[in-house]
Amino acid sequence: MEELRQNLNYLIIDDFDQMRVSFKGMLTSYGATDVTTCASGEKALKLLANNSYDVVICDYNLGDGKDGQQVLEEARYLGYLGHAATFFMITAESNMPMVMSALEHQPDDYMVKPINREVLHHRLTVALNRKRQLKAIDDALIRDDKLSAIDLCRDRCGKDLKQRLYLAKLQAELCLDIKRVDEAEKIYQEILAIRNFPWARFGLSKIDFLKDNHDRAEVEFRTLIEQNHLYLEVYDWLVRLLEKRGDTEEAQHLLQEAVDLSPKAVVRQRKLGQLAERNGDAVRAERAYQAAIRWGRNSCFASAQEYRYLANIYQNTGRRPKMVKLLSEGRKRFSHQPADRIQMLCGQALAQHHQGVMTGLEIYLDEIVRLVDEHKRDVTAHHLLDAADDLFQLSKSDEAQELLKVLLGNHHDDERWIDRVRQLMLQHGRDHHIEELVSIARTELQQIHVKCTELLRSDRLKQAITLLNDTIERYPRNRTLMLMAAGAMINYMRDNGIDPGYHFRCRFSLNRLLERDHQDSDAGRFLDMLNKITPVSVEEGFSGQN
């Protein structure tokens, strides 16, 4: 029982007093001394955000509010649980879709009530033995030092085959995160030489997809699903492949199978709704959006999109009272999220417009423009295009074009977005303003690009970096400027040593680009270069300034 007495911190989450007392009693009988309990998912997440727990024991059903699955998915998504932490899901639930929803987020163990002292002790001992080597890896990941984490995964592979496999899998995933695709591929191939593990085959098939070897990837994705129809992540990748090919009907059918198996996956339900709409299947689109809203009420993955899309369906089918009620609920739900709030405000303004109610419409419009101006970093091109479309429908062409200027400023050299802006303006009869709008955005950014290129060629790196960073403040989602600035800052630090401010800004920008597009090879290449400038050097740089 020594593993359970080593000053570990435990968190028990259960809405029944008797169960919390029972689990705490079992843990203290093993020698545990630091045991915290709470009765709700919301309280649990606050505790997880502010404390470090080695073991979390969480009931699946927690009454009203977040359930155990939502606690796990949100804690993982927000980084509250490290790889060294152990999460046990406890349940009396025997309904297969609910069980699959919980297992999909990969708790360390899933135990069905009733649970006695011996069973809990055995499961804890096994889990803690497996996890004890991961603390240093967690520390490296907290520092965002994935290169060190990869080295630690490699160095800590011992005689325990199960642990070696876990570390190899983690190492390969980290390599994919920082675009070291060839290294990840080699790890998966080495694992498959030992045994035919599905996760290693899946890893190789993802790499095939990323390298545009789509036929080979598709064969393997389909084979993995045939061999295990509960391997739900494979469905998502096969759907991506089918979409890229333009086969949206099969993609919809496949995604329907996945949500039938795991209905509480909010992102998957939303995606199903979008596919169904594209395929003209309004009935299934409505059901999927309703499911995304229902399961998203206590989920960190909920977004305003499902509210807007469902509201559009209600609008198109003449159910305006339901549309108004839904949009009002959505506005309250996303009151603290600017990009989502913009969508709700546009929806409510359109609802009033269609009903002929003009009172208060200007207030909505002023709020939309203010939110875009104040939260440029968080408002995506999709948000801007949708909001501009709504404003055109409201006969607010000047306001719509202001939003499109922001969009074009962030994507001045991306023909896909320029074409989408052209299509939108043609759709709303603004064709005589198209080239003027595009020219304004392109001219300013091209001039800055030329000036920065001249500065870089003449080795005036600091001046170029200052100009680039100042421009990024106005166009904070401009990929070209962000990459140009990152390259300049990396080159400066190579020649002149660590600059903590540059290092932080560079990492922040590159991570944002990779969050938007995991396949952004340029951002991945720059991040790999930046990772070779170690965090230890950064700390020394800070201490040298004091």
Protein backbone atom coordinates (compact mmCIF):
# COMPACT_ATOMS: atom_id res chain seq x y z
CA MET A 1 0.00 0.00 0.00
CA GLU A 2 3.07 2.23 0.03
CA GLU A 3 2.11 3.82 -3.32
CA LEU A 4 -1.07 5.14 -1.69
CA ARG A 5 0.68 6.78 1.25
CA GLN A 6 3.24 8.95 -0.51
CA ASN A 7 1.68 12.34 0.16
CA LEU A 8 -0.70 12.04 -2.76
CA ASN A 9 -3.59 14.47 -3.18
CA TYR A 10 -7.02 12.95 -3.82
CA LEU A 11 -10.24 14.54 -5.07
CA ILE A 12 -13.57 12.71 -4.72
CA ILE A 13 -16.51 14.05 -6.78
CA ASP A 14 -19.94 12.61 -5.99
CA ASP A 15 -23.34 14.21 -5.38
CA PHE A 16 -24.24 11.67 -2.66
CA ASP A 17 -22.85 12.32 0.81
CA GLN A 18 -22.74 8.62 1.64
CA MET A 19 -20.59 7.79 -1.40
CA ARG A 20 -18.13 10.61 -0.65
CA VAL A 21 -17.80 9.37 2.93
CA SER A 22 -17.38 5.78 1.74
CA PHE A 23 -14.62 6.55 -0.78
CA LYS A 24 -12.83 8.83 1.66
CA GLY A 25 -12.96 6.10 4.30
CA MET A 26 -11.44 3.55 1.92
CA LEU A 27 -8.64 5.94 0.93
CA THR A 28 -7.76 6.87 4.50
CA SER A 29 -7.66 3.17 5.40
CA TYR A 30 -4.90 2.78 2.77
CA GLY A 31 -2.92 5.59 4.44
CA ALA A 32 -4.09 8.58 2.38
CA THR A 33 -4.09 11.83 4.36
CA ASP A 34 -4.94 14.55 1.81
CA VAL A 35 -8.46 13.83 0.55
CA THR A 36 -10.79 16.60 -0.75
CA THR A 37 -14.44 15.98 -1.55
CA CYS A 38 -17.06 17.94 -3.47
CA ALA A 39 -20.62 17.36 -4.66
CA SER A 40 -20.82 18.99 -8.11
CA GLY A 41 -18.99 19.18 -11.42
CA GLU A 42 -18.79 22.97 -11.28
CA LYS A 43 -17.13 22.91 -7.85
CA ALA A 44 -14.80 20.12 -9.01
CA LEU A 45 -13.52 22.19 -11.94
CA LYS A 46 -12.83 25.16 -9.67
CA LEU A 47 -10.82 22.87 -7.39
CA LEU A 48 -8.98 21.32 -10.36
CA ALA A 49 -8.17 24.79 -11.72
CA ASN A 50 -6.57 25.91 -8.46
CA ASN A 51 -5.02 22.71 -7.11
CA SER A 52 -2.90 19.82 -8.30
CA TYR A 53 -4.45 16.40 -7.68
CA ASP A 54 -2.70 13.07 -8.16
CA VAL A 55 -5.93 11.04 -8.17
CA VAL A 56 -9.48 12.07 -9.10
CA ILE A 57 -12.38 9.72 -8.34
CA CYS A 58 -15.48 11.03 -10.09
CA ASP A 59 -19.03 9.72 -10.31
CA TYR A 60 -20.57 9.81 -13.80
CA ASN A 61 -23.96 11.12 -12.68
CA LEU A 62 -23.67 14.30 -10.60
CA GLY A 63 -27.26 15.52 -10.56
CA ASP A 64 -27.99 18.90 -12.13
CA GLY A 65 -25.13 20.67 -13.91
CA LYS A 66 -21.98 19.08 -15.35
CA ASP A 67 -21.71 15.30 -15.27
CA GLY A 68 -18.54 13.26 -14.82
CA GLN A 69 -17.82 13.07 -18.54
CA GLN A 70 -18.03 16.84 -18.85
CA VAL A 71 -15.74 17.28 -15.86
CA LEU A 72 -13.17 14.99 -17.49
CA GLU A 73 -13.35 16.50 -20.97
CA GLU A 74 -13.19 20.07 -19.69
CA ALA A 75 -10.34 19.33 -17.26
CA ARG A 76 -8.36 17.73 -20.09
CA TYR A 77 -9.23 20.48 -22.57
CA LEU A 78 -8.21 23.27 -20.15
CA GLY A 79 -5.04 21.50 -19.01
CA TYR A 80 -6.14 20.92 -15.42
CA LEU A 81 -5.14 17.22 -15.57
CA GLY A 82 -1.60 16.27 -16.45
CA HIS A 83 -0.40 12.93 -17.81
CA ALA A 84 0.77 11.96 -14.33
CA ALA A 85 -2.70 12.45 -12.80
CA THR A 86 -5.06 9.47 -12.49
CA PHE A 87 -8.78 9.87 -13.26
CA PHE A 88 -11.28 7.17 -12.26
CA MET A 89 -14.83 7.29 -13.60
CA ILE A 90 -17.33 5.64 -11.24
CA THR A 91 -20.83 4.78 -12.37
CA ALA A 92 -23.88 2.59 -12.05
CA GLU A 93 -24.65 3.46 -15.70
CA SER A 94 -25.08 0.46 -17.99
CA ASN A 95 -26.50 2.26 -21.03
CA MET A 96 -23.94 1.64 -23.80
CA PRO A 97 -24.09 5.08 -25.50
CA MET A 98 -23.56 6.77 -22.15
CA VAL A 99 -20.71 4.42 -21.27
CA MET A 100 -19.11 5.06 -24.68
CA SER A 101 -19.43 8.82 -24.21
CA ALA A 102 -17.47 8.55 -20.98
CA LEU A 103 -14.86 6.11 -22.27
CA GLU A 104 -14.18 8.21 -25.36
CA HIS A 105 -12.47 10.80 -23.17
CA GLN A 106 -10.19 8.07 -21.83
CA PRO A 107 -10.37 8.00 -18.06
CA ASP A 108 -7.60 5.88 -16.58
CA ASP A 109 -10.19 3.41 -15.36
CA TYR A 110 -13.96 2.95 -15.47
CA MET A 111 -15.49 1.18 -12.47
CA VAL A 112 -19.09 0.05 -12.04
CA LYS A 113 -20.77 0.27 -8.64
CA PRO A 114 -20.78 -1.33 -6.14
CA ILE A 115 -17.04 -0.99 -5.47
CA ASN A 116 -15.41 -2.60 -2.46
CA ARG A 117 -12.18 -1.77 -0.66
CA GLU A 118 -10.10 -4.50 -2.35
CA VAL A 119 -11.17 -3.62 -5.89
CA LEU A 120 -10.42 0.09 -5.41
CA HIS A 121 -7.05 -0.66 -3.85
CA HIS A 122 -6.02 -2.93 -6.71
CA ARG A 123 -7.09 -0.47 -9.41
CA LEU A 124 -5.33 2.43 -7.66
CA THR A 125 -2.10 0.50 -7.22
CA VAL A 126 -1.96 -0.50 -10.88
CA ALA A 127 -2.73 3.02 -12.09
CA LEU A 128 -0.28 4.77 -9.78
CA ASN A 129 2.54 2.38 -10.66
CA ARG A 130 1.96 3.20 -14.30
CA LYS A 131 1.78 6.97 -13.77
CA ARG A 132 4.62 7.63 -11.32
CA GLN A 133 7.22 8.07 -14.09
CA LEU A 134 5.24 10.82 -15.80
CA LYS A 135 5.74 13.70 -13.35
CA ALA A 136 8.86 15.05 -15.08
CA ILE A 137 7.11 14.84 -18.45
CA ASP A 138 4.18 16.81 -17.04
CA ASP A 139 6.58 19.45 -15.72
CA ALA A 140 8.12 19.83 -19.19
CA LEU A 141 4.70 20.14 -20.83
CA ILE A 142 3.62 22.77 -18.28
CA ARG A 143 6.68 24.78 -19.45
CA ASP A 144 5.50 24.10 -23.04
CA ASP A 145 8.85 22.39 -23.62
CA LYS A 146 7.71 19.56 -25.87
CA LEU A 147 11.26 18.75 -27.00
CA SER A 148 12.26 17.91 -23.41
CA ALA A 149 9.04 15.94 -22.94
CA ILE A 150 9.85 13.89 -26.05
CA ASP A 151 13.38 13.20 -24.74
CA LEU A 152 11.95 12.16 -21.36
CA CYS A 153 9.51 9.76 -23.02
CA ARG A 154 12.42 8.18 -24.83
CA ASP A 155 14.72 8.04 -21.78
CA ARG A 156 12.16 6.62 -19.36
CA CYS A 157 11.22 3.56 -21.40
CA GLY A 158 12.08 0.72 -19.00
CA LYS A 159 11.37 -3.01 -18.88
CA ASP A 160 7.62 -2.67 -18.29
CA LEU A 161 6.13 -3.24 -21.76
CA LYS A 162 2.83 -1.52 -20.94
CA GLN A 163 4.65 1.60 -19.72
CA ARG A 164 6.97 1.58 -22.72
CA LEU A 165 4.00 1.47 -25.04
CA TYR A 166 2.27 4.32 -23.20
CA LEU A 167 5.39 6.49 -23.40
CA ALA A 168 5.98 5.62 -27.05
CA LYS A 169 2.40 6.60 -27.89
CA LEU A 170 2.77 9.90 -26.00
CA GLN A 171 6.13 10.56 -27.67
CA ALA A 172 4.66 10.01 -31.15
CA GLU A 173 1.69 12.30 -30.41
CA LEU A 174 4.02 15.04 -29.16
CA CYS A 175 6.15 14.68 -32.31
CA LEU A 176 3.03 15.14 -34.43
CA ASP A 177 2.10 18.22 -32.37
CA ILE A 178 5.38 19.95 -33.27
CA LYS A 179 5.36 18.69 -36.88
CA ARG A 180 8.14 16.13 -36.50
CA VAL A 181 6.11 13.80 -38.68
CA ASP A 182 8.98 11.54 -39.82
CA GLU A 183 10.00 10.92 -36.21
CA ALA A 184 6.41 10.06 -35.24
CA GLU A 185 6.17 7.74 -38.25
CA LYS A 186 9.32 5.90 -37.17
CA ILE A 187 7.96 5.39 -33.64
CA TYR A 188 4.67 3.95 -34.93
CA GLN A 189 6.57 1.60 -37.27
CA GLU A 190 8.81 0.41 -34.42
CA ILE A 191 5.74 -0.33 -32.28
CA LEU A 192 4.06 -2.26 -35.09
CA ALA A 193 7.21 -4.39 -35.39
CA ILE A 194 6.52 -5.53 -31.82
CA ARG A 195 2.76 -6.10 -32.17
CA ASN A 196 -0.15 -5.04 -34.37
CA PHE A 197 -1.51 -2.31 -32.07
CA PRO A 198 -4.54 -0.45 -33.57
CA TRP A 199 -3.43 2.91 -32.12
CA ALA A 200 -0.08 2.64 -33.93
CA ARG A 201 -1.83 1.76 -37.20
CA PHE A 202 -4.14 4.71 -36.63
CA GLY A 203 -1.13 6.96 -36.07
CA LEU A 204 0.42 5.87 -39.38
CA SER A 205 -2.88 6.34 -41.22
CA LYS A 206 -3.17 9.89 -39.82
CA ILE A 207 0.33 10.59 -41.13
CA ASP A 208 -0.71 9.21 -44.53
CA PHE A 209 -3.67 11.61 -44.51
CA LEU A 210 -1.43 14.55 -43.57
CA LYS A 211 0.97 13.62 -46.39
CA ASP A 212 -1.95 13.44 -48.86
CA ASN A 213 -1.68 9.66 -49.24
CA HIS A 214 -5.47 9.58 -49.06
CA ASP A 215 -6.16 6.22 -50.69
CA ARG A 216 -3.89 4.35 -48.28
CA ALA A 217 -5.24 6.32 -45.32
CA GLU A 218 -8.83 5.55 -46.29
CA VAL A 219 -8.21 1.81 -46.53
CA GLU A 220 -6.67 1.76 -43.06
CA PHE A 221 -9.37 3.98 -41.50
CA ARG A 222 -12.08 1.69 -42.84
CA THR A 223 -10.23 -1.43 -41.69
CA LEU A 224 -9.83 -0.05 -38.17
CA ILE A 225 -13.57 0.72 -37.96
CA GLU A 226 -14.48 -2.75 -39.27
CA GLN A 227 -12.26 -4.35 -36.64
CA ASN A 228 -13.53 -2.12 -33.83
CA HIS A 229 -16.68 -0.10 -34.51
CA LEU A 230 -16.21 1.70 -31.16
CA TYR A 231 -12.93 3.37 -32.21
CA LEU A 232 -14.70 6.70 -32.58
CA GLU A 233 -11.74 8.98 -33.27
CA VAL A 234 -11.15 7.06 -36.51
CA TYR A 235 -14.64 8.06 -37.69
CA ASP A 236 -13.67 11.74 -37.35
CA TRP A 237 -10.57 11.34 -39.51
CA LEU A 238 -12.39 9.32 -42.16
CA VAL A 239 -15.09 12.02 -42.25
CA ARG A 240 -12.35 14.64 -42.82
CA LEU A 241 -11.01 12.58 -45.69
CA LEU A 242 -14.45 12.08 -47.28
CA GLU A 243 -15.20 15.79 -46.96
CA LYS A 244 -11.95 16.67 -48.66
CA ARG A 245 -12.96 14.37 -51.50
CA GLY A 246 -16.42 15.98 -51.66
CA ASP A 247 -18.35 12.88 -50.58
CA THR A 248 -20.50 14.67 -47.99
CA GLU A 249 -23.34 12.14 -48.05
CA GLU A 250 -21.17 9.23 -46.91
CA ALA A 251 -19.46 11.56 -44.43
CA GLN A 252 -22.87 12.37 -42.93
CA HIS A 253 -23.85 8.68 -42.77
CA LEU A 254 -20.57 7.80 -41.06
CA LEU A 255 -20.84 10.63 -38.54
CA GLN A 256 -24.42 9.58 -37.74
CA GLU A 257 -23.08 6.13 -36.80
CA ALA A 258 -20.53 7.79 -34.49
CA VAL A 259 -23.07 10.00 -32.68
CA ASP A 260 -25.40 7.03 -32.26
CA LEU A 261 -22.57 5.31 -30.39
CA SER A 262 -21.52 8.41 -28.42
CA PRO A 263 -24.34 10.99 -28.43
CA LYS A 264 -22.83 13.46 -25.96
CA ALA A 265 -19.98 14.51 -28.27
CA VAL A 266 -21.01 18.13 -28.85
CA VAL A 267 -18.48 18.94 -31.59
CA ARG A 268 -19.44 15.81 -33.51
CA GLN A 269 -23.16 16.61 -33.27
CA ARG A 270 -22.51 20.13 -34.59
CA LYS A 271 -20.48 18.75 -37.48
CA LEU A 272 -23.25 16.28 -38.29
CA GLY A 273 -25.73 19.15 -38.46
CA GLN A 274 -23.51 21.08 -40.86
CA LEU A 275 -23.08 18.05 -43.14
CA ALA A 276 -26.80 17.33 -43.10
CA GLU A 277 -27.56 20.94 -44.06
CA ARG A 278 -25.08 20.80 -46.94
CA ASN A 279 -26.79 17.63 -48.12
CA GLY A 280 -30.25 19.22 -47.93
CA ASP A 281 -31.30 16.97 -45.05
CA ALA A 282 -33.02 19.60 -42.87
CA VAL A 283 -34.67 17.05 -40.55
CA ARG A 284 -31.40 15.41 -39.49
CA ALA A 285 -29.65 18.78 -39.33
CA GLU A 286 -32.28 20.03 -36.89
CA ARG A 287 -31.96 16.92 -34.72
CA ALA A 288 -28.16 17.20 -34.64
CA TYR A 289 -28.17 20.89 -33.68
CA GLN A 290 -30.78 20.21 -30.99
CA ALA A 291 -28.56 17.42 -29.62
CA ALA A 292 -25.49 19.69 -29.68
CA ILE A 293 -27.41 22.30 -27.68
CA ARG A 294 -28.85 19.76 -25.25
CA TRP A 295 -25.52 18.06 -24.49
CA GLY A 296 -23.64 21.34 -24.63
CA ARG A 297 -25.52 23.10 -21.84
CA ASN A 298 -22.79 22.16 -19.37
CA SER A 299 -19.94 21.55 -21.81
CA CYS A 300 -16.90 23.67 -22.61
CA PHE A 301 -17.31 22.62 -26.26
CA ALA A 302 -20.65 24.36 -26.73
CA SER A 303 -20.66 27.25 -29.23
CA ALA A 304 -23.05 29.81 -30.65
CA GLN A 305 -22.92 28.07 -34.01
CA GLU A 306 -25.51 25.42 -33.21
CA TYR A 307 -27.85 28.10 -31.88
CA ARG A 308 -27.53 30.19 -35.05
CA TYR A 309 -27.80 27.23 -37.41
CA LEU A 310 -30.87 25.90 -35.62
CA ALA A 311 -32.38 29.40 -35.50
CA ASN A 312 -31.95 29.63 -39.28
CA ILE A 313 -33.84 26.36 -39.68
CA TYR A 314 -36.65 27.67 -37.49
CA GLN A 315 -36.68 30.90 -39.51
CA ASN A 316 -36.83 29.07 -42.85
CA THR A 317 -39.66 26.82 -41.66
CA GLY A 318 -41.76 29.66 -40.23
CA ARG A 319 -41.24 28.84 -36.54
CA ARG A 320 -40.29 32.38 -35.53
CA PRO A 321 -41.36 32.23 -31.85
CA LYS A 322 -39.06 29.24 -31.37
CA MET A 323 -36.29 31.12 -33.19
CA VAL A 324 -36.63 34.19 -30.95
CA LYS A 325 -36.63 32.07 -27.78
CA LEU A 326 -33.59 30.09 -28.92
CA LEU A 327 -31.57 33.21 -29.80
CA SER A 328 -32.42 34.82 -26.47
CA GLU A 329 -31.22 31.72 -24.66
CA GLY A 330 -28.03 31.66 -26.75
CA ARG A 331 -27.26 35.31 -26.03
CA LYS A 332 -27.44 34.64 -22.29
CA ARG A 333 -25.44 31.43 -22.65
CA PHE A 334 -22.54 33.17 -24.45
CA SER A 335 -22.67 36.59 -22.84
CA HIS A 336 -18.96 36.44 -21.88
CA GLN A 337 -17.63 35.08 -25.21
CA PRO A 338 -17.27 37.96 -27.71
CA ALA A 339 -17.14 35.96 -30.97
CA ASP A 340 -20.18 33.89 -30.01
CA ARG A 341 -21.98 36.95 -28.67
CA ILE A 342 -21.61 38.61 -32.10
CA GLN A 343 -23.41 35.68 -33.71
CA MET A 344 -26.26 35.89 -31.22
CA LEU A 345 -26.62 39.66 -31.64
CA CYS A 346 -26.73 39.30 -35.43
CA GLY A 347 -29.34 36.59 -35.10
CA GLN A 348 -31.52 38.68 -32.82
CA ALA A 349 -31.19 41.72 -35.08
CA LEU A 350 -32.27 39.63 -38.08
CA ALA A 351 -35.18 38.16 -36.13
CA GLN A 352 -36.46 41.65 -35.31
CA HIS A 353 -35.90 42.79 -38.87
CA HIS A 354 -37.93 39.90 -40.31
CA GLN A 355 -40.73 40.64 -37.86
CA GLY A 356 -40.71 44.31 -38.86
CA VAL A 357 -39.69 45.43 -35.36
CA MET A 358 -37.11 48.20 -35.81
CA THR A 359 -37.05 49.45 -32.20
CA GLY A 360 -33.66 48.82 -30.61
CA LEU A 361 -32.09 47.53 -33.82
CA GLU A 362 -29.36 50.18 -33.81
CA ILE A 363 -28.31 49.08 -30.32
CA TYR A 364 -27.63 45.58 -31.63
CA LEU A 365 -25.64 46.96 -34.56
CA ASP A 366 -23.52 49.29 -32.40
CA GLU A 367 -22.74 46.41 -30.05
CA ILE A 368 -21.65 44.17 -32.94
CA VAL A 369 -19.21 46.78 -34.31
CA ARG A 370 -17.84 47.48 -30.81
CA LEU A 371 -17.23 43.79 -30.09
CA VAL A 372 -15.39 43.28 -33.37
CA ASP A 373 -13.16 46.29 -32.71
CA GLU A 374 -12.36 45.30 -29.12
CA HIS A 375 -11.81 41.58 -29.71
CA LYS A 376 -10.04 41.37 -33.06
CA ARG A 377 -7.78 38.56 -31.85
CA ASP A 378 -10.70 36.28 -31.06
CA VAL A 379 -13.01 36.99 -33.98
CA THR A 380 -12.29 34.58 -36.83
CA ALA A 381 -12.74 35.15 -40.54
CA HIS A 382 -15.78 32.84 -40.41
CA HIS A 383 -17.35 35.02 -37.70
CA LEU A 384 -16.65 38.20 -39.68
CA LEU A 385 -18.02 36.82 -42.94
CA ASP A 386 -21.20 35.55 -41.25
CA ALA A 387 -21.71 38.85 -39.43
CA ALA A 388 -21.17 40.84 -42.65
CA ASP A 389 -23.73 38.63 -44.40
CA ASP A 390 -26.22 39.38 -41.63
CA LEU A 391 -25.53 43.12 -41.81
CA PHE A 392 -26.07 43.17 -45.57
CA GLN A 393 -29.43 41.49 -44.99
CA LEU A 394 -30.22 44.27 -42.51
CA SER A 395 -29.43 46.87 -45.22
CA LYS A 396 -26.36 47.98 -43.24
CA SER A 397 -23.88 47.83 -46.11
CA ASP A 398 -21.34 50.31 -44.69
CA GLU A 399 -21.10 48.38 -41.40
CA ALA A 400 -20.83 45.09 -43.31
CA GLN A 401 -17.98 46.43 -45.43
CA GLU A 402 -16.10 47.60 -42.31
CA LEU A 403 -16.15 44.01 -41.04
CA LEU A 404 -14.95 42.76 -44.42
CA LYS A 405 -12.05 45.24 -44.30
CA VAL A 406 -10.92 43.64 -41.02
CA LEU A 407 -11.26 40.19 -42.59
CA LEU A 408 -9.25 41.18 -45.65
CA GLY A 409 -6.61 42.86 -43.52
CA ASN A 410 -6.05 39.54 -41.76
CA HIS A 411 -6.11 37.54 -45.02
CA HIS A 412 -4.82 40.00 -47.63
CA ASP A 413 -2.83 37.32 -49.50
CA ASP A 414 -5.24 34.40 -49.13
CA GLU A 415 -7.17 34.01 -52.39
CA ARG A 416 -9.70 31.66 -50.77
CA TRP A 417 -10.94 34.36 -48.39
CA ILE A 418 -10.73 37.09 -51.00
CA ASP A 419 -12.93 34.96 -53.28
CA ARG A 420 -15.42 34.37 -50.46
CA VAL A 421 -15.63 38.12 -49.83
CA ARG A 422 -16.19 38.68 -53.56
CA GLN A 423 -18.97 36.07 -53.62
CA LEU A 424 -20.68 37.61 -50.59
CA MET A 425 -20.60 41.11 -52.06
CA LEU A 426 -21.91 39.86 -55.42
CA GLN A 427 -24.68 38.04 -53.60
CA HIS A 428 -25.77 41.32 -52.00
CA GLY A 429 -25.40 43.45 -55.13
CA ARG A 430 -22.21 45.23 -54.02
CA ASP A 431 -20.11 44.17 -57.02
CA HIS A 432 -19.07 47.79 -57.79
CA HIS A 433 -17.31 47.99 -54.39
CA ILE A 434 -15.47 44.66 -54.51
CA GLU A 435 -12.14 45.57 -56.10
CA GLU A 436 -11.92 48.85 -54.16
CA LEU A 437 -12.32 46.96 -50.88
CA VAL A 438 -9.78 44.29 -51.81
CA SER A 439 -7.32 46.89 -53.08
CA ILE A 440 -7.43 48.93 -49.85
CA ALA A 441 -6.59 45.90 -47.75
CA ARG A 442 -3.92 44.56 -50.07
CA THR A 443 -2.14 47.87 -50.71
CA GLU A 444 -1.47 48.70 -47.06
CA LEU A 445 -0.30 45.19 -46.17
CA GLN A 446 1.83 44.83 -49.31
CA GLN A 447 3.56 48.14 -48.57
CA ILE A 448 4.38 46.98 -45.05
CA HIS A 449 5.58 43.63 -46.42
CA VAL A 450 7.93 45.38 -48.89
CA LYS A 451 9.29 47.73 -46.21
CA CYS A 452 9.93 44.86 -43.79
CA THR A 453 11.64 42.83 -46.49
CA GLU A 454 13.98 45.77 -47.18
CA LEU A 455 14.77 46.11 -43.46
CA LEU A 456 15.48 42.39 -43.15
CA ARG A 457 17.75 42.38 -46.19
CA SER A 458 19.75 45.25 -44.72
CA ASP A 459 20.08 43.39 -41.37
CA ARG A 460 17.95 45.93 -39.50
CA LEU A 461 16.18 43.13 -37.67
CA LYS A 462 14.95 45.06 -34.65
CA GLN A 463 13.34 47.74 -36.81
CA ALA A 464 11.63 45.10 -38.94
CA ILE A 465 10.40 43.25 -35.85
CA THR A 466 9.00 46.45 -34.33
CA LEU A 467 7.16 47.35 -37.54
CA LEU A 468 5.77 43.81 -37.91
CA ASN A 469 4.60 43.59 -34.30
CA ASP A 470 2.97 47.02 -34.49
CA THR A 471 1.09 45.96 -37.63
CA ILE A 472 0.03 42.67 -36.02
CA GLU A 473 -1.63 44.71 -33.26
CA ARG A 474 -3.98 46.05 -35.95
CA TYR A 475 -4.31 42.78 -37.86
CA PRO A 476 -3.81 40.16 -35.13
CA ARG A 477 -4.85 37.16 -37.23
CA ASN A 478 -2.69 37.86 -40.29
CA ARG A 479 -0.77 34.63 -40.86
CA THR A 480 1.81 36.10 -43.25
CA LEU A 481 2.78 38.87 -40.82
CA MET A 482 2.87 36.47 -37.86
CA LEU A 483 5.19 34.07 -39.69
CA MET A 484 7.39 36.90 -40.94
CA ALA A 485 7.69 38.31 -37.41
CA ALA A 486 8.41 34.87 -35.94
CA GLY A 487 11.18 34.25 -38.49
CA ALA A 488 12.72 37.64 -37.79
CA MET A 489 12.64 37.15 -34.01
CA ILE A 490 14.15 33.65 -34.26
CA ASN A 491 16.96 34.95 -36.49
CA TYR A 492 17.61 37.82 -34.09
CA MET A 493 17.87 35.45 -31.10
CA ARG A 494 20.19 33.13 -33.01
CA ASP A 495 22.61 35.99 -33.63
CA ASN A 496 22.20 37.96 -30.40
CA GLY A 497 21.09 35.50 -27.73
CA ILE A 498 17.78 35.07 -25.94
CA ASP A 499 15.31 37.93 -25.77
CA PRO A 500 12.55 36.78 -23.34
CA GLY A 501 9.95 39.12 -24.84
CA TYR A 502 10.64 37.92 -28.39
CA HIS A 503 10.69 34.29 -27.26
CA PHE A 504 7.31 34.59 -25.54
CA ARG A 505 5.68 36.53 -28.39
CA CYS A 506 7.04 34.16 -31.00
CA ARG A 507 5.76 31.06 -29.19
CA PHE A 508 2.36 32.68 -28.57
CA SER A 509 1.91 33.55 -32.26
CA LEU A 510 3.02 30.15 -33.56
CA ASN A 511 0.80 28.28 -31.13
CA ARG A 512 -2.18 30.39 -32.23
CA LEU A 513 -1.48 29.53 -35.86
CA LEU A 514 -1.26 25.82 -35.06
CA GLU A 515 -4.47 25.98 -33.04
CA ARG A 516 -6.18 27.31 -36.17
CA ASP A 517 -4.58 24.77 -38.49
CA HIS A 518 -2.72 21.74 -37.15
CA GLN A 519 -1.35 21.17 -40.66
CA ASP A 520 0.33 24.59 -40.91
CA SER A 521 3.76 23.29 -41.88
CA ASP A 522 5.40 26.75 -41.82
CA ALA A 523 4.25 27.44 -38.26
CA GLY A 524 5.34 23.93 -37.26
CA ARG A 525 8.80 24.46 -38.80
CA PHE A 526 9.27 27.78 -37.01
CA LEU A 527 8.08 26.25 -33.73
CA ASP A 528 10.60 23.45 -34.12
CA MET A 529 13.33 26.07 -34.60
CA LEU A 530 12.10 28.01 -31.57
CA ASN A 531 12.04 24.88 -29.41
CA LYS A 532 15.78 24.58 -29.88
CA ILE A 533 16.09 27.80 -27.89
CA THR A 534 15.61 26.21 -24.49
CA PRO A 535 13.27 27.48 -21.76
CA VAL A 536 16.25 27.42 -19.35
CA SER A 537 17.88 30.10 -21.48
CA VAL A 538 14.70 32.14 -21.33
CA GLU A 539 14.67 31.99 -17.54
CA GLU A 540 18.30 33.09 -17.48
CA GLY A 541 17.36 35.96 -19.78
CA PHE A 542 14.69 37.13 -17.33
CA SER A 543 16.98 36.84 -14.33
CA GLY A 544 19.64 38.79 -16.17
CA GLN A 545 17.24 41.70 -16.56
CA ASN A 546 16.53 41.96 -12.82
